[in-house]
Amino acid sequence: MIRILKSIEDESSPLVRVYKEWFISSKVVDYYKTGNPKFAEDYLFSLLEDHSKPVFVVSAEKICFMVLKDLRNDEKKYGFTQLLDRFICTLVPNAASNKPLVRHFSNSLIISLWPTFKAYLSDHTLRNIIENLYSNAKKTQIFGQYRAGDANIWDLKGDWKLTNMFGGVLKKVTDHDCPYISESVFEKYLQEKDIVPIGTDERSLWLDKRDTNTESVNSANISCDTSPLQTKSGAWETVLDLDNKKSNDVVTRSELIVVSSLVDKPPNLGGICRLCDVLGVGLLTVQDIKVKNHPQFKNVAVTADRWMPMEEVALDEIASFMKGKKKEGYTLIGLEQTDKSVKLDNNFQFPKKSLILLGTEAFGIPGTLLSELDLCLEIQQFGVIRSMNIQTATAVIVHSYTVQHM
């Protein structure tokens, strides 16, 4: 059981984590019904109370919520009341956590918790607390913008249908275009239809694609006196389906090349990889492609390296690599402070085919490579400190390119 529970901690993909949460919830319910739930319960609450890893807190809250929904059918027999009391005693403080993800999810989960379990709350003071949290969360709820607590439309047993297993649940909890096998496909090709129900296409429950154009938002649907509720739910916003070979085909990438072969610290490379993917960079180079397997790289990059086009360019090959790109029409740009550097401001226009060379963390770009560049860019600085972290500097220059060409 310990391996099953802890598998949630090793999963970097939020979409895969959904299925693990589903499976773990089912196993925990089984443990309650066989009278041996203590270890599983204690482990889940250890995750709930440790806010150093907010994503795990969210997973534990979802698992506990789904387990409670299942156990309420026979609450006296399986320790439902004790689990509900313990869960609420943890959920309420989590709704005031200093971790935004924990705070956001805990508050939005109360939108589901109060209608589902209010009949089981006998303490008058506790009922008032939960009801007030529910009322405040409802005021900031914007339908179609985010899923309130996720679990409010995800039922442990009710969703146990083929259409939900093969993408339906994912479409209820994320606005990404996840692969989905429809009811009609199962009806057409499935021979044995009695083992697991096929289910239906519950399109009305799917989360709408988020509209990032603020001008298209209907202001009539958003009260001017409501405060925004953070919608960064971690995880699934940055990850596509790991098994979908066509996922990268739908991503629009620029012709920008970022050469980070001089950067040698895995955490910095992980951050650069992640921001390059987010900003649609065409290619990222590193001095050793094996850095993708380094734990510190993976912690920062999350899963960006699965999607970001990367190429190994060793230190002694940087000059020849840049010369080759020069012949292809690329402008070679160095991110460096020199006496001839051009200020990166609103007047600078990036060539569409740009190659940006990053320097080492400590010493910048060596002179032998400076001589190969067409120009150097310097980020304007106005404070006392005259240097930036390499990740921050890369983000500034890559974003400046992206807003011009994407």
Protein backbone atom coordinates (compact mmCIF):
# COMPACT_ATOMS: atom_id res chain seq x y z
CA MET A 1 0.00 0.00 0.00
CA ILE A 2 2.83 2.40 0.78
CA ARG A 3 4.04 2.18 -2.83
CA ILE A 4 0.56 2.89 -4.13
CA LEU A 5 0.12 5.91 -1.91
CA LYS A 6 3.57 7.34 -2.50
CA SER A 7 3.26 6.97 -6.27
CA ILE A 8 1.35 10.26 -6.18
CA GLU A 9 4.55 11.98 -5.01
CA ASP A 10 6.57 10.72 -7.96
CA GLU A 11 4.11 11.79 -10.65
CA SER A 12 5.07 14.97 -12.50
CA SER A 13 2.16 15.01 -14.95
CA PRO A 14 -1.05 16.48 -13.48
CA LEU A 15 -3.16 14.62 -16.03
CA VAL A 16 -1.66 11.26 -15.06
CA ARG A 17 -2.02 12.31 -11.41
CA VAL A 18 -5.80 12.50 -11.91
CA TYR A 19 -5.90 8.78 -12.66
CA LYS A 20 -3.63 8.00 -9.72
CA GLU A 21 -5.92 10.00 -7.42
CA TRP A 22 -8.86 8.03 -8.75
CA PHE A 23 -7.14 4.67 -8.18
CA ILE A 24 -5.82 5.60 -4.73
CA SER A 25 -9.27 6.83 -3.68
CA SER A 26 -10.76 3.48 -4.64
CA LYS A 27 -8.11 1.61 -2.67
CA VAL A 28 -8.59 3.81 0.41
CA VAL A 29 -12.33 3.15 0.33
CA ASP A 30 -11.57 -0.57 0.25
CA TYR A 31 -9.34 -0.18 3.31
CA TYR A 32 -12.13 1.58 5.18
CA LYS A 33 -14.60 -1.12 4.29
CA THR A 34 -12.23 -3.87 5.43
CA GLY A 35 -11.64 -2.11 8.74
CA ASN A 36 -7.96 -1.21 8.30
CA PRO A 37 -7.79 2.42 7.13
CA LYS A 38 -5.47 3.95 9.74
CA PHE A 39 -2.21 3.84 7.78
CA ALA A 40 -3.76 5.24 4.59
CA GLU A 41 -5.63 7.95 6.50
CA ASP A 42 -2.57 9.04 8.46
CA TYR A 43 -0.50 9.20 5.30
CA LEU A 44 -3.06 11.37 3.49
CA PHE A 45 -3.28 13.75 6.42
CA SER A 46 0.49 14.02 6.57
CA LEU A 47 0.27 15.36 3.01
CA LEU A 48 -2.62 17.67 3.92
CA GLU A 49 -0.66 19.27 6.73
CA ASP A 50 2.68 19.65 4.92
CA HIS A 51 2.37 22.77 2.77
CA SER A 52 5.93 22.59 1.47
CA LYS A 53 4.54 20.69 -1.53
CA PRO A 54 1.19 22.33 -2.40
CA VAL A 55 0.43 19.98 -5.30
CA PHE A 56 0.41 17.01 -2.90
CA VAL A 57 -1.93 18.89 -0.55
CA VAL A 58 -4.38 19.35 -3.42
CA SER A 59 -4.17 15.68 -4.36
CA ALA A 60 -4.76 14.60 -0.76
CA GLU A 61 -7.78 16.92 -0.48
CA LYS A 62 -9.30 15.48 -3.64
CA ILE A 63 -8.70 11.91 -2.50
CA CYS A 64 -10.24 12.55 0.93
CA PHE A 65 -13.23 14.27 -0.65
CA MET A 66 -13.92 11.39 -3.04
CA VAL A 67 -13.50 8.82 -0.26
CA LEU A 68 -15.98 10.71 1.93
CA LYS A 69 -18.51 10.92 -0.90
CA ASP A 70 -18.36 7.15 -1.27
CA LEU A 71 -18.44 6.33 2.45
CA ARG A 72 -21.43 8.56 3.22
CA ASN A 73 -23.72 5.86 1.80
CA ASP A 74 -23.08 3.90 5.01
CA GLU A 75 -21.54 6.52 7.29
CA LYS A 76 -22.05 4.67 10.59
CA LYS A 77 -20.31 1.49 9.55
CA TYR A 78 -17.07 2.70 8.04
CA GLY A 79 -15.93 5.59 10.25
CA PHE A 80 -17.36 8.24 7.94
CA THR A 81 -18.10 10.74 10.73
CA GLN A 82 -14.61 10.57 12.21
CA LEU A 83 -13.00 11.04 8.80
CA LEU A 84 -15.28 13.96 7.95
CA ASP A 85 -14.50 15.71 11.24
CA ARG A 86 -10.77 15.24 10.77
CA PHE A 87 -10.93 16.40 7.16
CA ILE A 88 -12.87 19.58 7.94
CA CYS A 89 -10.51 20.41 10.81
CA THR A 90 -7.69 20.39 8.26
CA LEU A 91 -9.53 21.89 5.28
CA VAL A 92 -10.62 25.06 7.09
CA PRO A 93 -7.05 26.10 8.07
CA ASN A 94 -5.90 25.19 4.56
CA ALA A 95 -8.39 27.72 3.20
CA ALA A 96 -6.23 30.38 4.86
CA SER A 97 -2.86 28.91 3.86
CA ASN A 98 -0.06 31.22 2.77
CA LYS A 99 0.44 28.93 -0.23
CA PRO A 100 -1.78 30.28 -3.06
CA LEU A 101 -2.47 26.88 -4.63
CA VAL A 102 -3.52 25.34 -1.30
CA ARG A 103 -5.63 28.36 -0.38
CA HIS A 104 -7.35 28.55 -3.76
CA PHE A 105 -8.17 24.86 -4.01
CA SER A 106 -9.32 24.54 -0.39
CA ASN A 107 -11.71 27.46 -0.77
CA SER A 108 -13.07 26.24 -4.07
CA LEU A 109 -13.49 22.71 -2.71
CA ILE A 110 -15.78 24.11 -0.01
CA ILE A 111 -18.19 25.01 -2.84
CA SER A 112 -18.60 21.26 -3.26
CA LEU A 113 -18.20 20.24 0.37
CA TRP A 114 -20.98 22.32 1.94
CA PRO A 115 -23.91 21.12 -0.24
CA THR A 116 -22.64 17.54 -0.10
CA PHE A 117 -22.01 17.17 3.63
CA LYS A 118 -23.97 19.91 5.42
CA ALA A 119 -26.56 17.37 6.56
CA TYR A 120 -23.84 15.54 8.50
CA LEU A 121 -22.59 18.61 10.41
CA SER A 122 -24.33 18.93 13.77
CA ASP A 123 -22.18 21.55 15.51
CA HIS A 124 -23.84 24.95 15.05
CA THR A 125 -20.61 26.96 15.10
CA LEU A 126 -18.91 24.67 12.61
CA ARG A 127 -21.91 24.84 10.29
CA ASN A 128 -21.78 28.64 10.33
CA ILE A 129 -18.05 28.66 9.57
CA ILE A 130 -18.38 26.30 6.61
CA GLU A 131 -21.47 28.07 5.30
CA ASN A 132 -19.74 31.46 5.43
CA LEU A 133 -16.71 30.07 3.61
CA TYR A 134 -19.08 28.59 1.04
CA SER A 135 -20.90 31.90 0.55
CA ASN A 136 -17.66 33.84 0.10
CA ALA A 137 -16.30 31.28 -2.36
CA LYS A 138 -19.53 31.38 -4.38
CA LYS A 139 -19.26 35.15 -4.71
CA THR A 140 -15.92 34.85 -6.45
CA GLN A 141 -16.87 31.88 -8.61
CA ILE A 142 -16.79 32.59 -12.34
CA PHE A 143 -18.42 29.77 -14.25
CA GLY A 144 -16.44 28.45 -17.20
CA GLN A 145 -13.25 30.12 -15.99
CA TYR A 146 -12.16 27.40 -13.58
CA ARG A 147 -13.59 24.27 -12.05
CA ALA A 148 -14.72 24.82 -8.48
CA GLY A 149 -12.84 22.27 -6.45
CA ASP A 150 -12.61 19.84 -9.36
CA ALA A 151 -14.17 17.04 -7.34
CA ASN A 152 -17.65 18.59 -7.51
CA ILE A 153 -18.22 16.88 -10.87
CA TRP A 154 -15.98 13.87 -10.35
CA ASP A 155 -17.54 10.89 -8.62
CA LEU A 156 -15.50 7.87 -7.56
CA LYS A 157 -18.10 5.29 -8.59
CA GLY A 158 -20.52 7.34 -10.69
CA ASP A 159 -17.81 8.24 -13.19
CA TRP A 160 -16.63 4.63 -13.45
CA LYS A 161 -17.52 4.43 -17.14
CA LEU A 162 -15.38 3.95 -20.22
CA THR A 163 -16.02 7.41 -21.63
CA ASN A 164 -14.82 8.94 -18.37
CA MET A 165 -11.82 6.63 -18.07
CA PHE A 166 -10.70 7.51 -21.58
CA GLY A 167 -10.68 11.28 -21.30
CA GLY A 168 -14.08 12.29 -19.93
CA VAL A 169 -12.89 13.02 -16.40
CA LEU A 170 -9.88 14.94 -17.72
CA LYS A 171 -12.18 17.15 -19.77
CA LYS A 172 -14.13 17.90 -16.59
CA VAL A 173 -11.07 19.08 -14.67
CA THR A 174 -8.91 20.79 -17.31
CA ASP A 175 -9.51 23.04 -20.30
CA HIS A 176 -6.76 21.41 -22.38
CA ASP A 177 -7.66 19.45 -25.51
CA CYS A 178 -7.17 16.00 -23.99
CA PRO A 179 -7.54 12.86 -26.10
CA TYR A 180 -11.04 11.47 -25.71
CA ILE A 181 -12.81 8.30 -26.90
CA SER A 182 -16.47 9.04 -27.43
CA GLU A 183 -19.54 6.93 -26.72
CA SER A 184 -20.10 6.35 -30.44
CA VAL A 185 -16.59 4.92 -30.90
CA PHE A 186 -17.08 2.46 -28.04
CA GLU A 187 -20.49 1.48 -29.40
CA LYS A 188 -18.99 0.88 -32.82
CA TYR A 189 -15.89 -1.11 -31.92
CA LEU A 190 -16.41 -2.61 -28.45
CA GLN A 191 -17.55 -6.21 -28.54
CA GLU A 192 -17.94 -6.92 -24.81
CA LYS A 193 -20.18 -4.15 -23.52
CA ASP A 194 -21.29 -5.61 -20.21
CA ILE A 195 -18.04 -5.60 -18.21
CA VAL A 196 -17.80 -1.82 -17.67
CA PRO A 197 -20.58 0.62 -18.68
CA ILE A 198 -19.73 2.66 -21.76
CA GLY A 199 -21.19 5.90 -20.44
CA THR A 200 -22.25 9.00 -22.34
CA ASP A 201 -20.58 12.11 -23.75
CA GLU A 202 -21.18 14.52 -20.86
CA ARG A 203 -20.21 17.60 -22.84
CA SER A 204 -22.22 19.92 -20.62
CA LEU A 205 -19.81 19.12 -17.76
CA TRP A 206 -16.62 19.69 -19.74
CA LEU A 207 -14.60 22.72 -18.76
CA ASP A 208 -14.77 25.41 -21.44
CA LYS A 209 -11.59 26.47 -23.17
CA ARG A 210 -10.30 29.52 -21.33
CA ASP A 211 -10.49 32.73 -23.34
CA THR A 212 -7.29 34.71 -22.89
CA ASN A 213 -8.60 37.71 -24.83
CA THR A 214 -9.77 40.03 -22.09
CA GLU A 215 -11.79 42.11 -24.55
CA SER A 216 -14.02 39.15 -25.33
CA VAL A 217 -15.01 38.53 -21.71
CA ASN A 218 -18.62 39.43 -21.13
CA SER A 219 -18.49 41.95 -18.33
CA ALA A 220 -22.11 41.26 -17.52
CA ASN A 221 -21.09 37.88 -16.16
CA ILE A 222 -18.52 39.34 -13.77
CA SER A 223 -19.67 41.55 -10.95
CA CYS A 224 -17.48 44.61 -10.55
CA ASP A 225 -17.46 44.26 -6.77
CA THR A 226 -16.01 40.74 -6.70
CA SER A 227 -12.34 40.14 -6.16
CA PRO A 228 -10.46 37.77 -8.47
CA LEU A 229 -9.91 34.19 -7.36
CA GLN A 230 -6.55 32.80 -8.40
CA THR A 231 -6.91 30.29 -11.21
CA LYS A 232 -3.38 28.92 -11.30
CA SER A 233 -4.19 25.38 -10.20
CA GLY A 234 -0.70 24.16 -10.74
CA ALA A 235 -0.28 21.48 -12.62
CA TRP A 236 -2.38 20.72 -15.55
CA GLU A 237 -1.90 24.20 -17.01
CA THR A 238 1.62 23.35 -18.10
CA VAL A 239 1.33 19.74 -19.21
CA LEU A 240 -0.13 18.01 -22.24
CA ASP A 241 -0.78 14.29 -22.63
CA LEU A 242 2.57 12.51 -22.34
CA ASP A 243 1.54 9.72 -24.71
CA ASN A 244 0.14 11.93 -27.46
CA LYS A 245 2.81 12.08 -30.18
CA LYS A 246 0.95 14.89 -31.91
CA SER A 247 0.83 17.17 -28.86
CA ASN A 248 3.85 19.16 -30.01
CA ASP A 249 2.38 19.53 -33.49
CA VAL A 250 -0.33 21.87 -32.23
CA VAL A 251 2.17 24.17 -30.51
CA THR A 252 3.18 27.25 -32.47
CA ARG A 253 6.90 27.87 -32.12
CA SER A 254 9.02 30.75 -33.31
CA GLU A 255 12.32 30.58 -35.19
CA LEU A 256 14.21 31.78 -32.12
CA ILE A 257 17.18 29.67 -31.01
CA VAL A 258 18.45 29.95 -27.44
CA VAL A 259 21.99 28.64 -26.93
CA SER A 260 22.43 27.79 -23.25
CA SER A 261 25.41 25.49 -23.69
CA LEU A 262 27.57 27.75 -21.50
CA VAL A 263 25.13 27.43 -18.59
CA ASP A 264 26.16 24.52 -16.37
CA LYS A 265 23.85 24.53 -13.33
CA PRO A 266 20.95 22.06 -13.71
CA PRO A 267 18.38 24.24 -11.83
CA ASN A 268 19.11 27.18 -14.13
CA LEU A 269 18.89 24.99 -17.21
CA GLY A 270 15.61 23.54 -15.97
CA GLY A 271 14.17 27.03 -15.53
CA ILE A 272 15.43 28.14 -18.95
CA CYS A 273 13.93 25.03 -20.56
CA ARG A 274 10.58 25.70 -18.94
CA LEU A 275 10.38 29.37 -19.91
CA CYS A 276 11.55 28.61 -23.46
CA ASP A 277 8.72 26.12 -23.86
CA VAL A 278 6.19 28.53 -22.35
CA LEU A 279 7.29 31.30 -24.71
CA GLY A 280 7.34 29.11 -27.82
CA VAL A 281 11.09 29.09 -28.54
CA GLY A 282 12.00 27.03 -31.59
CA LEU A 283 15.16 25.37 -30.25
CA LEU A 284 17.19 25.25 -27.04
CA THR A 285 20.75 23.95 -26.89
CA VAL A 286 22.54 22.49 -23.85
CA GLN A 287 26.10 21.24 -23.50
CA ASP A 288 24.99 17.75 -22.37
CA ILE A 289 21.54 16.42 -23.17
CA LYS A 290 21.78 14.07 -20.18
CA VAL A 291 21.11 17.07 -17.94
CA LYS A 292 17.41 16.38 -18.58
CA ASN A 293 17.71 13.42 -16.21
CA HIS A 294 19.23 15.44 -13.37
CA PRO A 295 16.81 15.68 -10.40
CA GLN A 296 17.41 19.43 -9.94
CA PHE A 297 16.71 20.02 -13.63
CA LYS A 298 13.50 18.02 -13.49
CA ASN A 299 12.30 19.77 -10.33
CA VAL A 300 12.37 23.14 -12.08
CA ALA A 301 11.52 22.11 -15.64
CA VAL A 302 8.59 19.94 -14.45
CA THR A 303 7.89 18.22 -17.82
CA ALA A 304 8.88 21.03 -20.19
CA ASP A 305 11.81 19.00 -21.56
CA ARG A 306 9.33 16.51 -23.03
CA TRP A 307 7.98 19.21 -25.32
CA MET A 308 10.79 21.72 -25.74
CA PRO A 309 12.95 20.92 -28.80
CA MET A 310 16.48 20.52 -27.43
CA GLU A 311 19.82 19.79 -29.03
CA GLU A 312 23.18 18.95 -27.53
CA VAL A 313 25.90 21.43 -28.49
CA ALA A 314 29.15 20.88 -26.60
CA LEU A 315 31.30 23.79 -25.46
CA ASP A 316 33.84 23.33 -28.21
CA GLU A 317 31.08 23.15 -30.83
CA ILE A 318 29.29 26.41 -30.00
CA ALA A 319 31.26 28.52 -32.49
CA SER A 320 30.74 26.11 -35.38
CA PHE A 321 27.05 25.73 -34.49
CA MET A 322 26.57 29.51 -34.59
CA LYS A 323 28.47 29.81 -37.88
CA GLY A 324 26.18 27.21 -39.38
CA LYS A 325 23.11 29.13 -38.25
CA LYS A 326 24.67 32.33 -39.59
CA LYS A 327 24.73 30.73 -43.05
CA GLU A 328 21.03 29.93 -42.62
CA GLY A 329 20.29 33.63 -42.19
CA TYR A 330 20.31 33.90 -38.42
CA THR A 331 21.42 37.02 -36.57
CA LEU A 332 23.75 36.05 -33.73
CA ILE A 333 22.91 37.94 -30.52
CA GLY A 334 24.71 37.73 -27.21
CA LEU A 335 23.11 38.52 -23.87
CA GLU A 336 26.02 40.41 -22.36
CA GLN A 337 27.12 43.77 -20.94
CA THR A 338 29.91 45.17 -23.14
CA ASP A 339 31.08 48.63 -24.17
CA LYS A 340 29.26 48.14 -27.49
CA SER A 341 26.08 46.50 -26.21
CA VAL A 342 22.74 47.68 -27.57
CA LYS A 343 20.09 48.55 -24.98
CA LEU A 344 17.08 46.24 -25.00
CA ASP A 345 14.20 48.72 -25.04
CA ASN A 346 10.98 49.40 -26.95
CA ASN A 347 12.94 50.56 -30.00
CA PHE A 348 14.92 47.38 -30.53
CA GLN A 349 13.50 45.06 -33.18
CA PHE A 350 14.55 41.42 -33.18
CA PRO A 351 15.16 39.78 -36.55
CA LYS A 352 12.71 36.93 -36.95
CA LYS A 353 15.60 34.48 -37.32
CA SER A 354 17.48 35.31 -34.13
CA LEU A 355 19.96 33.21 -32.16
CA ILE A 356 20.55 34.27 -28.55
CA LEU A 357 23.73 33.13 -26.83
CA LEU A 358 23.65 32.99 -23.03
CA GLY A 359 26.83 33.30 -20.99
CA THR A 360 28.06 31.37 -17.98
CA GLU A 361 26.52 32.20 -14.62
CA ALA A 362 29.75 33.66 -13.25
CA PHE A 363 31.74 35.08 -16.16
CA GLY A 364 29.30 35.69 -19.01
CA ILE A 365 30.26 35.08 -22.64
CA PRO A 366 33.96 34.36 -23.27
CA GLY A 367 35.83 36.66 -25.64
CA THR A 368 36.36 33.95 -28.25
CA LEU A 369 32.60 33.71 -28.73
CA LEU A 370 31.91 37.44 -28.43
CA SER A 371 33.87 37.93 -31.64
CA GLU A 372 31.49 35.59 -33.48
CA LEU A 373 28.38 37.60 -32.60
CA ASP A 374 26.63 40.21 -34.71
CA LEU A 375 25.68 42.23 -31.64
CA CYS A 376 25.24 42.09 -27.89
CA LEU A 377 22.07 43.08 -26.07
CA GLU A 378 22.05 44.57 -22.60
CA ILE A 379 18.92 44.66 -20.47
CA GLN A 380 18.31 48.15 -19.13
CA GLN A 381 18.69 48.26 -15.36
CA PHE A 382 17.72 51.06 -13.02
CA GLY A 383 18.47 49.75 -9.52
CA VAL A 384 21.62 49.47 -7.47
CA ILE A 385 22.51 45.87 -8.38
CA ARG A 386 23.95 45.59 -11.90
CA SER A 387 23.35 41.94 -12.66
CA MET A 388 20.48 39.47 -13.04
CA ASN A 389 20.07 35.76 -12.45
CA ILE A 390 20.55 33.96 -15.78
CA GLN A 391 16.99 32.61 -15.73
CA THR A 392 15.54 36.08 -15.17
CA ALA A 393 17.67 37.67 -17.86
CA THR A 394 16.73 34.92 -20.32
CA ALA A 395 13.05 35.40 -19.56
CA VAL A 396 13.30 39.13 -20.26
CA ILE A 397 15.04 38.82 -23.61
CA VAL A 398 13.02 35.83 -24.85
CA HIS A 399 9.75 37.48 -23.89
CA SER A 400 10.82 40.65 -25.71
CA TYR A 401 11.36 38.57 -28.86
CA THR A 402 8.13 36.64 -28.43
CA VAL A 403 5.85 39.68 -28.17
CA GLN A 404 7.27 40.91 -31.47
CA HIS A 405 7.01 37.71 -33.48
CA MET A 406 4.34 35.45 -31.94
